[in-house]
Amino acid sequence: HSIKGMAGSLGYDSITEVAHRMEDRMQGMRTAGRIPPGDELSLLFRALAALETMVGAVAETGDAPAAEGDLLDALATPPAPTAAPVEAESDE
């Protein structure tokens, strides 16, 4: 949340966009009360690495690179539904 706000206030729109989409994605997980599967975690770590690279570029050059379009698309795509847990049958 802080990265998104600070990047936005400084005009680094690409960083704001990635951070915002990550935030939305994580909020969806919290709301659903589910543990994210491995592919979902991989996507979030990929986005985190992109943010790290983008912030590093700002530190070095003062400019934020554009966000990867495929990353933004992946973050905006709803996660695949997960199967509900199956209750064990009782022996009674």
C-alpha atoms as a PDB file:
ATOM      1  CA  HIS A   1       0.000   0.000   0.000  1.00  0.00           C
ATOM      2  CA  SER A   2       2.816   2.413   0.892  1.00  0.00           C
ATOM      3  CA  ILE A   3       4.766   1.688  -2.290  1.00  0.00           C
ATOM      4  CA  LYS A   4       1.673   2.363  -4.384  1.00  0.00           C
ATOM      5  CA  GLY A   5       0.951   5.656  -2.632  1.00  0.00           C
ATOM      6  CA  MET A   6       4.498   6.976  -2.670  1.00  0.00           C
ATOM      7  CA  ALA A   7       5.064   5.989  -6.303  1.00  0.00           C
ATOM      8  CA  GLY A   8       1.801   7.664  -7.257  1.00  0.00           C
ATOM      9  CA  SER A   9       2.656  10.870  -5.426  1.00  0.00           C
ATOM     10  CA  LEU A  10       6.000  11.020  -7.244  1.00  0.00           C
ATOM     11  CA  GLY A  11       4.532  10.289 -10.681  1.00  0.00           C
ATOM     12  CA  TYR A  12       5.940   6.772 -11.142  1.00  0.00           C
ATOM     13  CA  ASP A  13       2.788   5.423 -12.737  1.00  0.00           C
ATOM     14  CA  SER A  14       4.223   2.075 -13.811  1.00  0.00           C
ATOM     15  CA  ILE A  15       5.256   1.244 -10.238  1.00  0.00           C
ATOM     16  CA  THR A  16       1.858   2.396  -8.991  1.00  0.00           C
ATOM     17  CA  GLU A  17       0.091   0.113 -11.475  1.00  0.00           C
ATOM     18  CA  VAL A  18       2.048  -3.021 -10.539  1.00  0.00           C
ATOM     19  CA  ALA A  19       1.672  -2.339  -6.810  1.00  0.00           C
ATOM     20  CA  HIS A  20      -2.056  -1.671  -7.222  1.00  0.00           C
ATOM     21  CA  ARG A  21      -2.667  -4.893  -9.124  1.00  0.00           C
ATOM     22  CA  MET A  22      -0.666  -6.872  -6.564  1.00  0.00           C
ATOM     23  CA  GLU A  23      -2.694  -5.298  -3.779  1.00  0.00           C
ATOM     24  CA  ASP A  24      -5.968  -6.175  -5.519  1.00  0.00           C
ATOM     25  CA  ARG A  25      -4.803  -9.742  -6.073  1.00  0.00           C
ATOM     26  CA  MET A  26      -3.817 -10.215  -2.429  1.00  0.00           C
ATOM     27  CA  GLN A  27      -7.070  -8.637  -1.233  1.00  0.00           C
ATOM     28  CA  GLY A  28      -8.972 -11.182  -3.297  1.00  0.00           C
ATOM     29  CA  MET A  29      -7.096 -13.978  -1.534  1.00  0.00           C
ATOM     30  CA  ARG A  30      -7.820 -12.501   1.886  1.00  0.00           C
ATOM     31  CA  THR A  31     -11.492 -12.016   1.053  1.00  0.00           C
ATOM     32  CA  ALA A  32     -11.816 -15.583  -0.214  1.00  0.00           C
ATOM     33  CA  GLY A  33     -10.026 -16.842   2.884  1.00  0.00           C
ATOM     34  CA  ARG A  34      -7.954 -19.208   0.831  1.00  0.00           C
ATOM     35  CA  ILE A  35      -4.341 -20.216   0.819  1.00  0.00           C
ATOM     36  CA  PRO A  36      -2.922 -19.365  -2.593  1.00  0.00           C
ATOM     37  CA  PRO A  37      -1.653 -22.253  -4.721  1.00  0.00           C
ATOM     38  CA  GLY A  38       1.939 -22.335  -5.921  1.00  0.00           C
ATOM     39  CA  ASP A  39       1.271 -20.708  -9.291  1.00  0.00           C
ATOM     40  CA  GLU A  40      -0.436 -17.793  -7.553  1.00  0.00           C
ATOM     41  CA  LEU A  41       2.537 -17.343  -5.231  1.00  0.00           C
ATOM     42  CA  SER A  42       4.899 -17.512  -8.208  1.00  0.00           C
ATOM     43  CA  LEU A  43       2.980 -14.696  -9.882  1.00  0.00           C
ATOM     44  CA  LEU A  44       3.175 -12.542  -6.750  1.00  0.00           C
ATOM     45  CA  PHE A  45       6.909 -13.182  -6.402  1.00  0.00           C
ATOM     46  CA  ARG A  46       7.362 -12.316 -10.091  1.00  0.00           C
ATOM     47  CA  ALA A  47       5.524  -9.037  -9.499  1.00  0.00           C
ATOM     48  CA  LEU A  48       7.609  -8.350  -6.398  1.00  0.00           C
ATOM     49  CA  ALA A  49      10.811  -8.903  -8.393  1.00  0.00           C
ATOM     50  CA  ALA A  50       9.518  -6.519 -11.073  1.00  0.00           C
ATOM     51  CA  LEU A  51       8.815  -3.871  -8.428  1.00  0.00           C
ATOM     52  CA  GLU A  52      12.298  -4.323  -7.020  1.00  0.00           C
ATOM     53  CA  THR A  53      13.814  -3.856 -10.482  1.00  0.00           C
ATOM     54  CA  MET A  54      11.659  -0.813 -11.182  1.00  0.00           C
ATOM     55  CA  VAL A  55      12.498   0.861  -7.859  1.00  0.00           C
ATOM     56  CA  GLY A  56      16.180   0.101  -8.475  1.00  0.00           C
ATOM     57  CA  ALA A  57      15.950   1.804 -11.863  1.00  0.00           C
ATOM     58  CA  VAL A  58      14.427   4.879 -10.223  1.00  0.00           C
ATOM     59  CA  ALA A  59      17.282   4.961  -7.710  1.00  0.00           C
ATOM     60  CA  GLU A  60      19.864   4.754 -10.500  1.00  0.00           C
ATOM     61  CA  THR A  61      18.334   6.891 -13.238  1.00  0.00           C
ATOM     62  CA  GLY A  62      15.398   8.756 -11.736  1.00  0.00           C
ATOM     63  CA  ASP A  63      13.040   7.122 -14.237  1.00  0.00           C
ATOM     64  CA  ALA A  64      10.749   4.135 -13.758  1.00  0.00           C
ATOM     65  CA  PRO A  65      10.681   1.651 -16.626  1.00  0.00           C
ATOM     66  CA  ALA A  66       7.365   0.604 -18.110  1.00  0.00           C
ATOM     67  CA  ALA A  67       5.636  -2.322 -16.483  1.00  0.00           C
ATOM     68  CA  GLU A  68       5.658  -5.595 -18.399  1.00  0.00           C
ATOM     69  CA  GLY A  69       2.341  -5.925 -20.193  1.00  0.00           C
ATOM     70  CA  ASP A  70       2.147  -9.680 -19.702  1.00  0.00           C
ATOM     71  CA  LEU A  71       2.734  -9.256 -15.959  1.00  0.00           C
ATOM     72  CA  LEU A  72      -0.043  -6.672 -15.702  1.00  0.00           C
ATOM     73  CA  ASP A  73      -2.349  -8.964 -17.683  1.00  0.00           C
ATOM     74  CA  ALA A  74      -1.536 -11.931 -15.450  1.00  0.00           C
ATOM     75  CA  LEU A  75      -2.189  -9.898 -12.310  1.00  0.00           C
ATOM     76  CA  ALA A  76      -5.524  -8.687 -13.718  1.00  0.00           C
ATOM     77  CA  THR A  77      -6.679 -12.171 -14.736  1.00  0.00           C
ATOM     78  CA  PRO A  78      -8.819 -13.773 -12.027  1.00  0.00           C
ATOM     79  CA  PRO A  79      -7.169 -16.801 -10.449  1.00  0.00           C
ATOM     80  CA  ALA A  80      -8.384 -20.231 -11.456  1.00  0.00           C
ATOM     81  CA  PRO A  81     -11.006 -21.585  -9.080  1.00  0.00           C
ATOM     82  CA  THR A  82      -9.742 -24.072  -6.563  1.00  0.00           C
ATOM     83  CA  ALA A  83     -11.642 -27.175  -5.607  1.00  0.00           C
ATOM     84  CA  ALA A  84     -13.405 -27.100  -2.283  1.00  0.00           C
ATOM     85  CA  PRO A  85     -11.987 -29.456   0.330  1.00  0.00           C
ATOM     86  CA  VAL A  86     -13.794 -32.780   0.516  1.00  0.00           C
ATOM     87  CA  GLU A  87     -14.945 -33.917   3.928  1.00  0.00           C
ATOM     88  CA  ALA A  88     -13.913 -37.394   5.001  1.00  0.00           C
ATOM     89  CA  GLU A  89     -16.723 -39.900   5.300  1.00  0.00           C
ATOM     90  CA  SER A  90     -17.566 -41.135   8.751  1.00  0.00           C
ATOM     91  CA  ASP A  91     -17.314 -44.853   9.574  1.00  0.00           C
ATOM     92  CA  GLU A  92     -20.414 -44.601  11.749  1.00  0.00           C
END
